[in-house]
């Protein structure tokens, strides 16, 4: 990832960063100072910044999808959230998505 690509991604995500800050981020991530962030540098950054392995972020995301707070994500809940995020899909498509990860066969995803 070059500094230009990093800037483009951050702007796309709505987080425009001033050039000086962008350079500081790049300097922190690009540990071999070759002008790009390679996979090893990115992975090291991710590991260092997720002490719990990302579990808390995953749990927060799960809570967001679990509209009725019953500890499960149904196809209907998934459909509502995805459509709210602008990702148009049918309830049937959401059923298929859930089926692909439903380990206990109850038609829901649990944390």
PDB file of N, CA and C in Angstrom:
ATOM      1  N   UNK A   1       0.864  -1.167   0.000  1.00  0.00           N
ATOM      2  CA  UNK A   1       0.000   0.000   0.000  1.00  0.00           C
ATOM      3  C   UNK A   1       0.909   1.228   0.000  1.00  0.00           C
ATOM      4  N   UNK A   2       0.744   2.070  -1.002  1.00  0.00           N
ATOM      5  CA  UNK A   2       1.534   3.303  -1.055  1.00  0.00           C
ATOM      6  C   UNK A   2       0.826   4.394  -0.264  1.00  0.00           C
ATOM      7  N   UNK A   3       1.503   5.507  -0.046  1.00  0.00           N
ATOM      8  CA  UNK A   3       0.897   6.615   0.688  1.00  0.00           C
ATOM      9  C   UNK A   3      -0.318   7.158  -0.071  1.00  0.00           C
ATOM     10  N   UNK A   4      -0.260   7.152  -1.402  1.00  0.00           N
ATOM     11  CA  UNK A   4      -1.387   7.615  -2.215  1.00  0.00           C
ATOM     12  C   UNK A   4      -2.579   6.671  -2.054  1.00  0.00           C
ATOM     13  N   UNK A   5      -2.318   5.361  -2.080  1.00  0.00           N
ATOM     14  CA  UNK A   5      -3.395   4.389  -1.904  1.00  0.00           C
ATOM     15  C   UNK A   5      -3.993   4.485  -0.509  1.00  0.00           C
ATOM     16  N   UNK A   6      -3.154   4.677   0.489  1.00  0.00           N
ATOM     17  CA  UNK A   6      -3.641   4.830   1.862  1.00  0.00           C
ATOM     18  C   UNK A   6      -4.537   6.058   1.968  1.00  0.00           C
ATOM     19  N   UNK A   7      -4.116   7.156   1.372  1.00  0.00           N
ATOM     20  CA  UNK A   7      -4.909   8.388   1.363  1.00  0.00           C
ATOM     21  C   UNK A   7      -6.252   8.153   0.671  1.00  0.00           C
ATOM     22  N   UNK A   8      -6.225   7.458  -0.477  1.00  0.00           N
ATOM     23  CA  UNK A   8      -7.465   7.178  -1.207  1.00  0.00           C
ATOM     24  C   UNK A   8      -8.435   6.341  -0.377  1.00  0.00           C
ATOM     25  N   UNK A   9      -7.920   5.319   0.302  1.00  0.00           N
ATOM     26  CA  UNK A   9      -8.768   4.450   1.123  1.00  0.00           C
ATOM     27  C   UNK A   9      -9.377   5.239   2.273  1.00  0.00           C
ATOM     28  N   UNK A  10      -8.568   6.023   2.948  1.00  0.00           N
ATOM     29  CA  UNK A  10      -9.073   6.800   4.083  1.00  0.00           C
ATOM     30  C   UNK A  10     -10.130   7.807   3.636  1.00  0.00           C
ATOM     31  N   UNK A  11      -9.919   8.434   2.495  1.00  0.00           N
ATOM     32  CA  UNK A  11     -10.911   9.387   1.974  1.00  0.00           C
ATOM     33  C   UNK A  11     -12.208   8.667   1.599  1.00  0.00           C
ATOM     34  N   UNK A  12     -12.086   7.498   0.999  1.00  0.00           N
ATOM     35  CA  UNK A  12     -13.263   6.709   0.633  1.00  0.00           C
ATOM     36  C   UNK A  12     -14.072   6.336   1.864  1.00  0.00           C
ATOM     37  N   UNK A  13     -13.375   6.061   2.967  1.00  0.00           N
ATOM     38  CA  UNK A  13     -14.041   5.707   4.218  1.00  0.00           C
ATOM     39  C   UNK A  13     -14.532   6.924   4.981  1.00  0.00           C
ATOM     40  N   UNK A  14     -14.312   8.120   4.415  1.00  0.00           N
ATOM     41  CA  UNK A  14     -14.783   9.341   5.050  1.00  0.00           C
ATOM     42  C   UNK A  14     -13.857   9.870   6.125  1.00  0.00           C
ATOM     43  N   UNK A  15     -12.612   9.418   6.121  1.00  0.00           N
ATOM     44  CA  UNK A  15     -11.653   9.850   7.136  1.00  0.00           C
ATOM     45  C   UNK A  15     -10.461  10.525   6.480  1.00  0.00           C
ATOM     46  N   UNK A  16     -10.724  11.641   5.816  1.00  0.00           N
ATOM     47  CA  UNK A  16      -9.624  12.380   5.227  1.00  0.00           C
ATOM     48  C   UNK A  16      -8.617  12.763   6.297  1.00  0.00           C
ATOM     49  N   UNK A  17      -7.343  12.555   6.019  1.00  0.00           N
ATOM     50  CA  UNK A  17      -6.283  12.810   6.986  1.00  0.00           C
ATOM     51  C   UNK A  17      -5.368  13.886   6.407  1.00  0.00           C
ATOM     52  N   UNK A  18      -5.001  14.886   7.207  1.00  0.00           N
ATOM     53  CA  UNK A  18      -4.058  15.904   6.727  1.00  0.00           C
ATOM     54  C   UNK A  18      -2.753  15.257   6.273  1.00  0.00           C
ATOM     55  N   UNK A  19      -2.087  15.828   5.270  1.00  0.00           N
ATOM     56  CA  UNK A  19      -0.848  15.233   4.734  1.00  0.00           C
ATOM     57  C   UNK A  19       0.212  14.920   5.795  1.00  0.00           C
ATOM     58  N   UNK A  20       0.386  15.798   6.772  1.00  0.00           N
ATOM     59  CA  UNK A  20       1.397  15.551   7.817  1.00  0.00           C
ATOM     60  C   UNK A  20       1.036  14.314   8.637  1.00  0.00           C
ATOM     61  N   UNK A  21      -0.243  14.159   8.968  1.00  0.00           N
ATOM     62  CA  UNK A  21      -0.687  12.988   9.732  1.00  0.00           C
ATOM     63  C   UNK A  21      -0.568  11.720   8.897  1.00  0.00           C
ATOM     64  N   UNK A  22      -0.879  11.842   7.612  1.00  0.00           N
ATOM     65  CA  UNK A  22      -0.776  10.695   6.711  1.00  0.00           C
ATOM     66  C   UNK A  22       0.680  10.223   6.646  1.00  0.00           C
ATOM     67  N   UNK A  23       1.605  11.162   6.569  1.00  0.00           N
ATOM     68  CA  UNK A  23       3.022  10.807   6.542  1.00  0.00           C
ATOM     69  C   UNK A  23       3.419  10.123   7.850  1.00  0.00           C
ATOM     70  N   UNK A  24       2.924  10.610   8.978  1.00  0.00           N
ATOM     71  CA  UNK A  24       3.233   9.980  10.270  1.00  0.00           C
ATOM     72  C   UNK A  24       2.707   8.549  10.332  1.00  0.00           C
ATOM     73  N   UNK A  25       1.482   8.344   9.834  1.00  0.00           N
ATOM     74  CA  UNK A  25       0.901   6.991   9.804  1.00  0.00           C
ATOM     75  C   UNK A  25       1.756   6.089   8.929  1.00  0.00           C
ATOM     76  N   UNK A  26       2.120   6.601   7.765  1.00  0.00           N
ATOM     77  CA  UNK A  26       2.938   5.817   6.842  1.00  0.00           C
ATOM     78  C   UNK A  26       4.287   5.468   7.473  1.00  0.00           C
ATOM     79  N   UNK A  27       4.910   6.460   8.145  1.00  0.00           N
ATOM     80  CA  UNK A  27       6.199   6.208   8.798  1.00  0.00           C
ATOM     81  C   UNK A  27       6.078   5.131   9.877  1.00  0.00           C
ATOM     82  N   UNK A  28       4.965   5.134  10.598  1.00  0.00           N
ATOM     83  CA  UNK A  28       4.760   4.138  11.652  1.00  0.00           C
ATOM     84  C   UNK A  28       4.557   2.737  11.075  1.00  0.00           C
ATOM     85  N   UNK A  29       3.793   2.642   9.997  1.00  0.00           N
ATOM     86  CA  UNK A  29       3.476   1.333   9.433  1.00  0.00           C
ATOM     87  C   UNK A  29       4.583   0.779   8.548  1.00  0.00           C
ATOM     88  N   UNK A  30       5.241   1.637   7.795  1.00  0.00           N
ATOM     89  CA  UNK A  30       6.275   1.219   6.842  1.00  0.00           C
ATOM     90  C   UNK A  30       7.601   1.057   7.561  1.00  0.00           C
ATOM     91  N   UNK A  31       7.739  -0.037   8.282  1.00  0.00           N
ATOM     92  CA  UNK A  31       8.900  -0.215   9.158  1.00  0.00           C
ATOM     93  C   UNK A  31      10.212  -0.396   8.412  1.00  0.00           C
ATOM     94  N   UNK A  32      10.175  -0.873   7.163  1.00  0.00           N
ATOM     95  CA  UNK A  32      11.426  -1.004   6.409  1.00  0.00           C
ATOM     96  C   UNK A  32      11.712   0.226   5.539  1.00  0.00           C
ATOM     97  N   UNK A  33      10.812   1.211   5.609  1.00  0.00           N
ATOM     98  CA  UNK A  33      10.970   2.515   4.946  1.00  0.00           C
ATOM     99  C   UNK A  33      11.245   2.403   3.450  1.00  0.00           C
ATOM    100  N   UNK A  34      10.504   1.477   2.800  1.00  0.00           N
ATOM    101  CA  UNK A  34      10.655   1.350   1.349  1.00  0.00           C
ATOM    102  C   UNK A  34       9.555   2.085   0.581  1.00  0.00           C
ATOM    103  N   UNK A  35       8.705   2.815   1.306  1.00  0.00           N
ATOM    104  CA  UNK A  35       7.673   3.627   0.658  1.00  0.00           C
ATOM    105  C   UNK A  35       6.341   2.925   0.471  1.00  0.00           C
ATOM    106  N   UNK A  36       6.255   1.663   0.876  1.00  0.00           N
ATOM    107  CA  UNK A  36       4.990   0.925   0.788  1.00  0.00           C
ATOM    108  C   UNK A  36       4.798   0.100   2.053  1.00  0.00           C
ATOM    109  N   UNK A  37       3.540  -0.157   2.377  1.00  0.00           N
ATOM    110  CA  UNK A  37       3.201  -1.031   3.500  1.00  0.00           C
ATOM    111  C   UNK A  37       2.954  -2.407   2.909  1.00  0.00           C
ATOM    112  N   UNK A  38       3.811  -3.363   3.249  1.00  0.00           N
ATOM    113  CA  UNK A  38       3.621  -4.716   2.734  1.00  0.00           C
ATOM    114  C   UNK A  38       2.759  -5.528   3.699  1.00  0.00           C
ATOM    115  N   UNK A  39       2.445  -6.743   3.321  1.00  0.00           N
ATOM    116  CA  UNK A  39       1.555  -7.580   4.124  1.00  0.00           C
ATOM    117  C   UNK A  39       2.104  -7.817   5.525  1.00  0.00           C
ATOM    118  N   UNK A  40       3.397  -8.067   5.643  1.00  0.00           N
ATOM    119  CA  UNK A  40       3.979  -8.328   6.955  1.00  0.00           C
ATOM    120  C   UNK A  40       3.858  -7.098   7.859  1.00  0.00           C
ATOM    121  N   UNK A  41       4.104  -5.919   7.298  1.00  0.00           N
ATOM    122  CA  UNK A  41       4.003  -4.686   8.091  1.00  0.00           C
ATOM    123  C   UNK A  41       2.556  -4.437   8.520  1.00  0.00           C
ATOM    124  N   UNK A  42       1.627  -4.674   7.606  1.00  0.00           N
ATOM    125  CA  UNK A  42       0.219  -4.473   7.923  1.00  0.00           C
ATOM    126  C   UNK A  42      -0.233  -5.467   8.990  1.00  0.00           C
ATOM    127  N   UNK A  43       0.167  -6.728   8.847  1.00  0.00           N
ATOM    128  CA  UNK A  43      -0.217  -7.754   9.824  1.00  0.00           C
ATOM    129  C   UNK A  43       0.371  -7.448  11.200  1.00  0.00           C
ATOM    130  N   UNK A  44       1.612  -6.979  11.233  1.00  0.00           N
ATOM    131  CA  UNK A  44       2.235  -6.626  12.519  1.00  0.00           C
ATOM    132  C   UNK A  44       1.479  -5.491  13.185  1.00  0.00           C
ATOM    133  N   UNK A  45       1.062  -4.508  12.394  1.00  0.00           N
ATOM    134  CA  UNK A  45       0.287  -3.388  12.926  1.00  0.00           C
ATOM    135  C   UNK A  45      -1.040  -3.884  13.495  1.00  0.00           C
ATOM    136  N   UNK A  46      -1.717  -4.751  12.754  1.00  0.00           N
ATOM    137  CA  UNK A  46      -3.014  -5.279  13.219  1.00  0.00           C
ATOM    138  C   UNK A  46      -2.857  -6.071  14.510  1.00  0.00           C
ATOM    139  N   UNK A  47      -1.841  -6.901  14.577  1.00  0.00           N
ATOM    140  CA  UNK A  47      -1.613  -7.689  15.800  1.00  0.00           C
ATOM    141  C   UNK A  47      -1.324  -6.780  16.989  1.00  0.00           C
ATOM    142  N   UNK A  48      -0.529  -5.751  16.775  1.00  0.00           N
ATOM    143  CA  UNK A  48      -0.157  -4.849  17.866  1.00  0.00           C
ATOM    144  C   UNK A  48      -1.333  -4.016  18.342  1.00  0.00           C
ATOM    145  N   UNK A  49      -2.310  -3.793  17.477  1.00  0.00           N
ATOM    146  CA  UNK A  49      -3.419  -2.916  17.831  1.00  0.00           C
ATOM    147  C   UNK A  49      -4.703  -3.658  18.170  1.00  0.00           C
ATOM    148  N   UNK A  50      -4.629  -4.971  18.288  1.00  0.00           N
ATOM    149  CA  UNK A  50      -5.791  -5.746  18.711  1.00  0.00           C
ATOM    150  C   UNK A  50      -5.338  -6.741  19.765  1.00  0.00           C
ATOM    151  N   UNK A  51      -5.178  -6.241  20.978  1.00  0.00           N
ATOM    152  CA  UNK A  51      -4.706  -7.086  22.079  1.00  0.00           C
ATOM    153  C   UNK A  51      -5.583  -8.309  22.275  1.00  0.00           C
ATOM    154  N   UNK A  52      -6.885  -8.149  22.037  1.00  0.00           N
ATOM    155  CA  UNK A  52      -7.795  -9.275  22.224  1.00  0.00           C
ATOM    156  C   UNK A  52      -8.058 -10.008  20.908  1.00  0.00           C
ATOM    157  N   UNK A  53      -7.219  -9.754  19.900  1.00  0.00           N
ATOM    158  CA  UNK A  53      -7.382 -10.415  18.609  1.00  0.00           C
ATOM    159  C   UNK A  53      -8.569  -9.907  17.827  1.00  0.00           C
ATOM    160  N   UNK A  54      -9.118  -8.759  18.188  1.00  0.00           N
ATOM    161  CA  UNK A  54     -10.261  -8.199  17.481  1.00  0.00           C
ATOM    162  C   UNK A  54     -11.599  -8.680  18.007  1.00  0.00           C
ATOM    163  N   UNK A  55     -11.592  -9.453  19.077  1.00  0.00           N
ATOM    164  CA  UNK A  55     -12.833 -10.016  19.598  1.00  0.00           C
ATOM    165  C   UNK A  55     -13.819  -8.940  20.032  1.00  0.00           C
ATOM    166  N   UNK A  56     -13.324  -7.858  20.621  1.00  0.00           N
ATOM    167  CA  UNK A  56     -14.253  -6.818  21.077  1.00  0.00           C
ATOM    168  C   UNK A  56     -14.921  -6.121  19.903  1.00  0.00           C
ATOM    169  N   UNK A  57     -14.164  -5.874  18.815  1.00  0.00           N
ATOM    170  CA  UNK A  57     -14.764  -5.261  17.629  1.00  0.00           C
ATOM    171  C   UNK A  57     -15.786  -6.193  16.999  1.00  0.00           C
ATOM    172  N   UNK A  58     -15.450  -7.482  16.964  1.00  0.00           N
ATOM    173  CA  UNK A  58     -16.374  -8.466  16.414  1.00  0.00           C
ATOM    174  C   UNK A  58     -17.649  -8.527  17.248  1.00  0.00           C
ATOM    175  N   UNK A  59     -17.496  -8.499  18.563  1.00  0.00           N
ATOM    176  CA  UNK A  59     -18.662  -8.534  19.447  1.00  0.00           C
ATOM    177  C   UNK A  59     -19.522  -7.287  19.257  1.00  0.00           C
ATOM    178  N   UNK A  60     -18.881  -6.119  19.123  1.00  0.00           N
ATOM    179  CA  UNK A  60     -19.625  -4.879  18.888  1.00  0.00           C
ATOM    180  C   UNK A  60     -20.420  -4.958  17.588  1.00  0.00           C
ATOM    181  N   UNK A  61     -19.796  -5.476  16.544  1.00  0.00           N
ATOM    182  CA  UNK A  61     -20.486  -5.620  15.257  1.00  0.00           C
ATOM    183  C   UNK A  61     -21.657  -6.591  15.392  1.00  0.00           C
ATOM    184  N   UNK A  62     -21.429  -7.692  16.106  1.00  0.00           N
ATOM    185  CA  UNK A  62     -22.501  -8.662  16.319  1.00  0.00           C
ATOM    186  C   UNK A  62     -23.679  -8.002  17.031  1.00  0.00           C
ATOM    187  N   UNK A  63     -23.398  -7.233  18.071  1.00  0.00           N
ATOM    188  CA  UNK A  63     -24.458  -6.554  18.817  1.00  0.00           C
ATOM    189  C   UNK A  63     -25.252  -5.610  17.920  1.00  0.00           C
ATOM    190  N   UNK A  64     -24.563  -4.987  16.971  1.00  0.00           N
ATOM    191  CA  UNK A  64     -25.232  -4.070  16.046  1.00  0.00           C
ATOM    192  C   UNK A  64     -26.234  -4.822  15.169  1.00  0.00           C
ATOM    193  N   UNK A  65     -25.872  -6.001  14.714  1.00  0.00           N
ATOM    194  CA  UNK A  65     -26.754  -6.796  13.860  1.00  0.00           C
ATOM    195  C   UNK A  65     -27.865  -7.467  14.655  1.00  0.00           C
ATOM    196  N   UNK A  66     -27.603  -7.794  15.913  1.00  0.00           N
ATOM    197  CA  UNK A  66     -28.579  -8.486  16.768  1.00  0.00           C
ATOM    198  C   UNK A  66     -29.609  -7.468  17.271  1.00  0.00           C
ATOM    199  N   UNK A  67     -30.574  -7.157  16.429  1.00  0.00           N
ATOM    200  CA  UNK A  67     -31.535  -6.099  16.689  1.00  0.00           C
ATOM    201  C   UNK A  67     -32.383  -6.345  17.937  1.00  0.00           C
ATOM    202  N   UNK A  68     -32.817  -7.581  18.182  1.00  0.00           N
ATOM    203  CA  UNK A  68     -33.674  -7.846  19.340  1.00  0.00           C
ATOM    204  C   UNK A  68     -32.887  -8.284  20.577  1.00  0.00           C
ATOM    205  N   UNK A  69     -31.553  -8.270  20.468  1.00  0.00           N
ATOM    206  CA  UNK A  69     -30.644  -8.546  21.598  1.00  0.00           C
ATOM    207  C   UNK A  69     -30.885  -9.900  22.252  1.00  0.00           C
ATOM    208  N   UNK A  70     -31.188 -10.909  21.418  1.00  0.00           N
ATOM    209  CA  UNK A  70     -31.393 -12.247  21.954  1.00  0.00           C
ATOM    210  C   UNK A  70     -30.165 -13.139  21.806  1.00  0.00           C
ATOM    211  N   UNK A  71     -29.057 -12.546  21.349  1.00  0.00           N
ATOM    212  CA  UNK A  71     -27.825 -13.311  21.198  1.00  0.00           C
ATOM    213  C   UNK A  71     -27.720 -14.044  19.881  1.00  0.00           C
ATOM    214  N   UNK A  72     -28.671 -13.822  18.990  1.00  0.00           N
ATOM    215  CA  UNK A  72     -28.700 -14.480  17.682  1.00  0.00           C
ATOM    216  C   UNK A  72     -28.925 -13.454  16.588  1.00  0.00           C
ATOM    217  N   UNK A  73     -28.394 -13.741  15.414  1.00  0.00           N
ATOM    218  CA  UNK A  73     -28.689 -12.914  14.244  1.00  0.00           C
ATOM    219  C   UNK A  73     -29.514 -13.770  13.293  1.00  0.00           C
ATOM    220  N   UNK A  74     -30.728 -13.318  13.037  1.00  0.00           N
ATOM    221  CA  UNK A  74     -31.618 -14.030  12.112  1.00  0.00           C
ATOM    222  C   UNK A  74     -31.453 -13.448  10.713  1.00  0.00           C
ATOM    223  N   UNK A  75     -32.011 -14.130   9.725  1.00  0.00           N
ATOM    224  CA  UNK A  75     -31.981 -13.637   8.349  1.00  0.00           C
ATOM    225  C   UNK A  75     -32.717 -12.310   8.240  1.00  0.00           C
ATOM    226  N   UNK A  76     -33.787 -12.153   8.989  1.00  0.00           N
ATOM    227  CA  UNK A  76     -34.554 -10.903   8.966  1.00  0.00           C
ATOM    228  C   UNK A  76     -33.719  -9.754   9.525  1.00  0.00           C
ATOM    229  N   UNK A  77     -33.011  -9.995  10.626  1.00  0.00           N
ATOM    230  CA  UNK A  77     -32.156  -8.953  11.199  1.00  0.00           C
ATOM    231  C   UNK A  77     -31.028  -8.589  10.245  1.00  0.00           C
ATOM    232  N   UNK A  78     -30.415  -9.602   9.655  1.00  0.00           N
ATOM    233  CA  UNK A  78     -29.348  -9.364   8.701  1.00  0.00           C
ATOM    234  C   UNK A  78     -29.871  -8.550   7.517  1.00  0.00           C
ATOM    235  N   UNK A  79     -31.044  -8.911   7.040  1.00  0.00           N
ATOM    236  CA  UNK A  79     -31.672  -8.197   5.914  1.00  0.00           C
ATOM    237  C   UNK A  79     -31.906  -6.731   6.253  1.00  0.00           C
ATOM    238  N   UNK A  80     -32.444  -6.454   7.436  1.00  0.00           N
ATOM    239  CA  UNK A  80     -32.726  -5.079   7.844  1.00  0.00           C
ATOM    240  C   UNK A  80     -31.449  -4.248   7.910  1.00  0.00           C
ATOM    241  N   UNK A  81     -30.421  -4.797   8.522  1.00  0.00           N
ATOM    242  CA  UNK A  81     -29.178  -4.050   8.688  1.00  0.00           C
ATOM    243  C   UNK A  81     -28.498  -3.831   7.339  1.00  0.00           C
ATOM    244  N   UNK A  82     -28.404  -4.855   6.516  1.00  0.00           N
ATOM    245  CA  UNK A  82     -27.743  -4.709   5.222  1.00  0.00           C
ATOM    246  C   UNK A  82     -28.465  -3.698   4.347  1.00  0.00           C
ATOM    247  N   UNK A  83     -29.794  -3.730   4.352  1.00  0.00           N
ATOM    248  CA  UNK A  83     -30.542  -2.760   3.564  1.00  0.00           C
ATOM    249  C   UNK A  83     -30.360  -1.346   4.108  1.00  0.00           C
ATOM    250  N   UNK A  84     -30.289  -1.225   5.422  1.00  0.00           N
ATOM    251  CA  UNK A  84     -30.049   0.087   6.036  1.00  0.00           C
ATOM    252  C   UNK A  84     -28.680   0.623   5.635  1.00  0.00           C
ATOM    253  N   UNK A  85     -27.726  -0.271   5.414  1.00  0.00           N
ATOM    254  CA  UNK A  85     -26.382   0.126   5.006  1.00  0.00           C
ATOM    255  C   UNK A  85     -26.280   0.321   3.491  1.00  0.00           C
ATOM    256  N   UNK A  86     -27.416   0.170   2.801  1.00  0.00           N
ATOM    257  CA  UNK A  86     -27.430   0.388   1.358  1.00  0.00           C
ATOM    258  C   UNK A  86     -27.078  -0.834   0.538  1.00  0.00           C
ATOM    259  N   UNK A  87     -26.983  -1.981   1.164  1.00  0.00           N
ATOM    260  CA  UNK A  87     -26.661  -3.213   0.458  1.00  0.00           C
ATOM    261  C   UNK A  87     -27.968  -3.956   0.205  1.00  0.00           C
ATOM    262  N   UNK A  88     -28.513  -3.770  -0.976  1.00  0.00           N
ATOM    263  CA  UNK A  88     -29.816  -4.341  -1.298  1.00  0.00           C
ATOM    264  C   UNK A  88     -29.709  -5.847  -1.510  1.00  0.00           C
ATOM    265  N   UNK A  89     -30.486  -6.571  -0.743  1.00  0.00           N
ATOM    266  CA  UNK A  89     -30.551  -8.025  -0.881  1.00  0.00           C
ATOM    267  C   UNK A  89     -31.912  -8.476  -0.356  1.00  0.00           C
ATOM    268  N   UNK A  90     -32.281  -9.667  -0.736  1.00  0.00           N
ATOM    269  CA  UNK A  90     -33.569 -10.196  -0.292  1.00  0.00           C
ATOM    270  C   UNK A  90     -33.396 -10.974   1.010  1.00  0.00           C
ATOM    271  N   UNK A  91     -34.502 -11.225   1.682  1.00  0.00           N
ATOM    272  CA  UNK A  91     -34.465 -12.040   2.903  1.00  0.00           C
ATOM    273  C   UNK A  91     -33.967 -13.438   2.562  1.00  0.00           C
ATOM    274  N   UNK A  92     -34.375 -13.950   1.394  1.00  0.00           N
ATOM    275  CA  UNK A  92     -33.932 -15.284   0.980  1.00  0.00           C
ATOM    276  C   UNK A  92     -32.411 -15.328   0.800  1.00  0.00           C
ATOM    277  N   UNK A  93     -31.836 -14.266   0.239  1.00  0.00           N
ATOM    278  CA  UNK A  93     -30.380 -14.208   0.110  1.00  0.00           C
ATOM    279  C   UNK A  93     -29.722 -14.198   1.488  1.00  0.00           C
ATOM    280  N   UNK A  94     -30.336 -13.507   2.424  1.00  0.00           N
ATOM    281  CA  UNK A  94     -29.813 -13.478   3.797  1.00  0.00           C
ATOM    282  C   UNK A  94     -29.914 -14.851   4.443  1.00  0.00           C
ATOM    283  N   UNK A  95     -31.004 -15.582   4.153  1.00  0.00           N
ATOM    284  CA  UNK A  95     -31.128 -16.962   4.655  1.00  0.00           C
ATOM    285  C   UNK A  95     -29.963 -17.800   4.148  1.00  0.00           C
ATOM    286  N   UNK A  96     -29.643 -17.661   2.863  1.00  0.00           N
ATOM    287  CA  UNK A  96     -28.537 -18.433   2.288  1.00  0.00           C
ATOM    288  C   UNK A  96     -27.203 -18.035   2.916  1.00  0.00           C
ATOM    289  N   UNK A  97     -27.015 -16.739   3.176  1.00  0.00           N
ATOM    290  CA  UNK A  97     -25.776 -16.286   3.828  1.00  0.00           C
ATOM    291  C   UNK A  97     -25.639 -16.935   5.202  1.00  0.00           C
ATOM    292  N   UNK A  98     -26.734 -16.929   5.938  1.00  0.00           N
ATOM    293  CA  UNK A  98     -26.701 -17.497   7.291  1.00  0.00           C
ATOM    294  C   UNK A  98     -26.493 -19.006   7.235  1.00  0.00           C
ATOM    295  N   UNK A  99     -27.149 -19.675   6.301  1.00  0.00           N
ATOM    296  CA  UNK A  99     -26.974 -21.125   6.173  1.00  0.00           C
ATOM    297  C   UNK A  99     -25.512 -21.491   5.969  1.00  0.00           C
ATOM    298  N   UNK A 100     -24.766 -20.627   5.261  1.00  0.00           N
ATOM    299  CA  UNK A 100     -23.373 -20.942   4.967  1.00  0.00           C
ATOM    300  C   UNK A 100     -22.473 -20.883   6.196  1.00  0.00           C
ATOM    301  N   UNK A 101     -22.937 -20.247   7.276  1.00  0.00           N
ATOM    302  CA  UNK A 101     -22.122 -20.143   8.496  1.00  0.00           C
ATOM    303  C   UNK A 101     -22.830 -20.678   9.736  1.00  0.00           C
ATOM    304  N   UNK A 102     -24.010 -21.225   9.566  1.00  0.00           N
ATOM    305  CA  UNK A 102     -24.825 -21.704  10.689  1.00  0.00           C
ATOM    306  C   UNK A 102     -24.334 -23.073  11.143  1.00  0.00           C
ATOM    307  N   UNK A 103     -23.513 -23.086  12.189  1.00  0.00           N
ATOM    308  CA  UNK A 103     -22.881 -24.332  12.623  1.00  0.00           C
ATOM    309  C   UNK A 103     -23.823 -25.292  13.337  1.00  0.00           C
ATOM    310  N   UNK A 104     -24.878 -24.780  13.989  1.00  0.00           N
ATOM    311  CA  UNK A 104     -25.765 -25.691  14.726  1.00  0.00           C
ATOM    312  C   UNK A 104     -27.103 -25.943  14.027  1.00  0.00           C
ATOM    313  N   UNK A 105     -27.308 -25.348  12.846  1.00  0.00           N
ATOM    314  CA  UNK A 105     -28.499 -25.622  12.053  1.00  0.00           C
ATOM    315  C   UNK A 105     -29.782 -24.993  12.552  1.00  0.00           C
ATOM    316  N   UNK A 106     -29.704 -23.979  13.434  1.00  0.00           N
ATOM    317  CA  UNK A 106     -30.932 -23.373  13.959  1.00  0.00           C
ATOM    318  C   UNK A 106     -31.448 -22.208  13.113  1.00  0.00           C
ATOM    319  N   UNK A 107     -30.753 -21.901  12.009  1.00  0.00           N
ATOM    320  CA  UNK A 107     -31.202 -20.821  11.138  1.00  0.00           C
ATOM    321  C   UNK A 107     -30.758 -19.438  11.589  1.00  0.00           C
ATOM    322  N   UNK A 108     -29.901 -19.391  12.574  1.00  0.00           N
ATOM    323  CA  UNK A 108     -29.379 -18.134  13.109  1.00  0.00           C
ATOM    324  C   UNK A 108     -27.867 -18.225  13.250  1.00  0.00           C
ATOM    325  N   UNK A 109     -27.264 -17.081  13.476  1.00  0.00           N
ATOM    326  CA  UNK A 109     -25.842 -17.035  13.790  1.00  0.00           C
ATOM    327  C   UNK A 109     -25.727 -16.560  15.225  1.00  0.00           C
ATOM    328  N   UNK A 110     -24.949 -17.277  16.024  1.00  0.00           N
ATOM    329  CA  UNK A 110     -24.720 -16.828  17.397  1.00  0.00           C
ATOM    330  C   UNK A 110     -23.269 -16.431  17.559  1.00  0.00           C
ATOM    331  N   UNK A 111     -23.012 -15.587  18.548  1.00  0.00           N
ATOM    332  CA  UNK A 111     -21.659 -15.082  18.740  1.00  0.00           C
ATOM    333  C   UNK A 111     -20.754 -16.192  19.231  1.00  0.00           C
TER     334      UNK A 111
END
